[in-house]
């Protein structure tokens, strides 16, 4: 949850997202995995521009945090009454 920190957290989150999306973009677009194995999808999705790939990773992380519930709660009780 690095996005909780204003400005600095947003910048760090963008840097982490860009560093994670770079290998995906290289494999998908430059090495042609999208064209080789996903020839049936439209050409637009076979050659994704790099900034759109970063945006895709940002949107996926936002949707993941909004749609997947947290099963573990880290609330601690006061042990003074025990």
Protein backbone atom coordinates (compact mmCIF):
# COMPACT_ATOMS: atom_id res chain seq x y z
CA UNK A 1 0.00 0.00 0.00
CA UNK A 2 2.71 2.42 -0.98
CA UNK A 3 0.05 4.57 -2.66
CA UNK A 4 -1.14 5.67 0.79
CA UNK A 5 1.86 7.99 1.06
CA UNK A 6 1.04 11.19 -0.90
CA UNK A 7 3.28 12.30 -3.79
CA UNK A 8 6.39 10.27 -2.85
CA UNK A 9 4.35 7.06 -2.68
CA UNK A 10 2.72 7.81 -5.99
CA UNK A 11 6.10 8.40 -7.64
CA UNK A 12 7.55 5.20 -6.16
CA UNK A 13 4.46 3.26 -7.20
CA UNK A 14 4.82 4.53 -10.77
CA UNK A 15 8.51 3.52 -10.81
CA UNK A 16 7.70 0.03 -9.49
CA UNK A 17 4.88 -0.38 -11.98
CA UNK A 18 7.09 0.74 -14.88
CA UNK A 19 9.83 -1.66 -13.83
CA UNK A 20 7.35 -4.54 -13.66
CA UNK A 21 5.69 -3.73 -16.97
CA UNK A 22 8.96 -3.40 -18.89
CA UNK A 23 9.66 -7.18 -19.09
CA UNK A 24 6.02 -7.86 -20.00
CA UNK A 25 6.11 -5.24 -22.76
CA UNK A 26 9.43 -6.55 -24.11
CA UNK A 27 8.21 -10.14 -24.26
CA UNK A 28 4.75 -9.26 -25.59
CA UNK A 29 5.67 -6.65 -28.19
CA UNK A 30 9.37 -6.76 -29.06
CA UNK A 31 9.82 -10.53 -29.03
CA UNK A 32 6.40 -11.05 -30.63
CA UNK A 33 4.68 -13.39 -28.19
CA UNK A 34 1.45 -11.45 -28.73
CA UNK A 35 1.65 -11.93 -32.49
CA UNK A 36 2.79 -15.53 -32.36
CA UNK A 37 0.37 -17.04 -29.86
CA UNK A 38 -2.47 -14.53 -29.83
CA UNK A 39 -2.87 -14.00 -33.58
CA UNK A 40 -6.67 -14.18 -33.23
CA UNK A 41 -6.96 -10.97 -31.18
CA UNK A 42 -7.01 -7.57 -32.92
CA UNK A 43 -3.70 -6.02 -33.99
CA UNK A 44 -4.17 -3.20 -31.47
CA UNK A 45 -3.74 -5.65 -28.60
CA UNK A 46 -0.85 -7.49 -30.21
CA UNK A 47 1.37 -4.39 -30.24
CA UNK A 48 0.78 -2.48 -27.01
CA UNK A 49 2.64 0.83 -26.60
CA UNK A 50 4.82 0.99 -23.48
CA UNK A 51 2.92 3.76 -21.68
CA UNK A 52 -0.36 1.96 -22.26
CA UNK A 53 1.22 -1.16 -20.80
CA UNK A 54 2.12 0.81 -17.67
CA UNK A 55 -1.45 2.11 -17.52
CA UNK A 56 -2.75 -1.44 -17.84
CA UNK A 57 -0.64 -2.53 -14.87
CA UNK A 58 -1.87 0.45 -12.81
CA UNK A 59 -5.52 -0.33 -13.60
CA UNK A 60 -5.04 -4.01 -12.76
CA UNK A 61 -3.51 -3.15 -9.38
CA UNK A 62 -6.36 -0.73 -8.58
CA UNK A 63 -9.00 -3.29 -9.54
CA UNK A 64 -7.22 -5.97 -7.54
CA UNK A 65 -7.19 -3.86 -4.39
CA UNK A 66 -10.85 -2.83 -4.89
CA UNK A 67 -12.38 -6.18 -5.85
CA UNK A 68 -10.43 -8.81 -3.92
CA UNK A 69 -11.45 -8.81 -0.27
CA UNK A 70 -8.94 -8.94 2.54
CA UNK A 71 -9.35 -12.12 4.53
CA UNK A 72 -6.87 -11.30 7.26
CA UNK A 73 -7.46 -8.39 9.58
CA UNK A 74 -4.54 -6.95 11.54
CA UNK A 75 -6.46 -5.26 14.31
CA UNK A 76 -4.91 -5.75 17.72
CA UNK A 77 -6.83 -5.59 20.95
CA UNK A 78 -5.62 -3.97 24.15
CA UNK A 79 -4.27 -6.58 26.50
CA UNK A 80 -4.69 -4.31 29.53
CA UNK A 81 -8.12 -5.74 30.33
CA UNK A 82 -7.04 -9.37 30.02
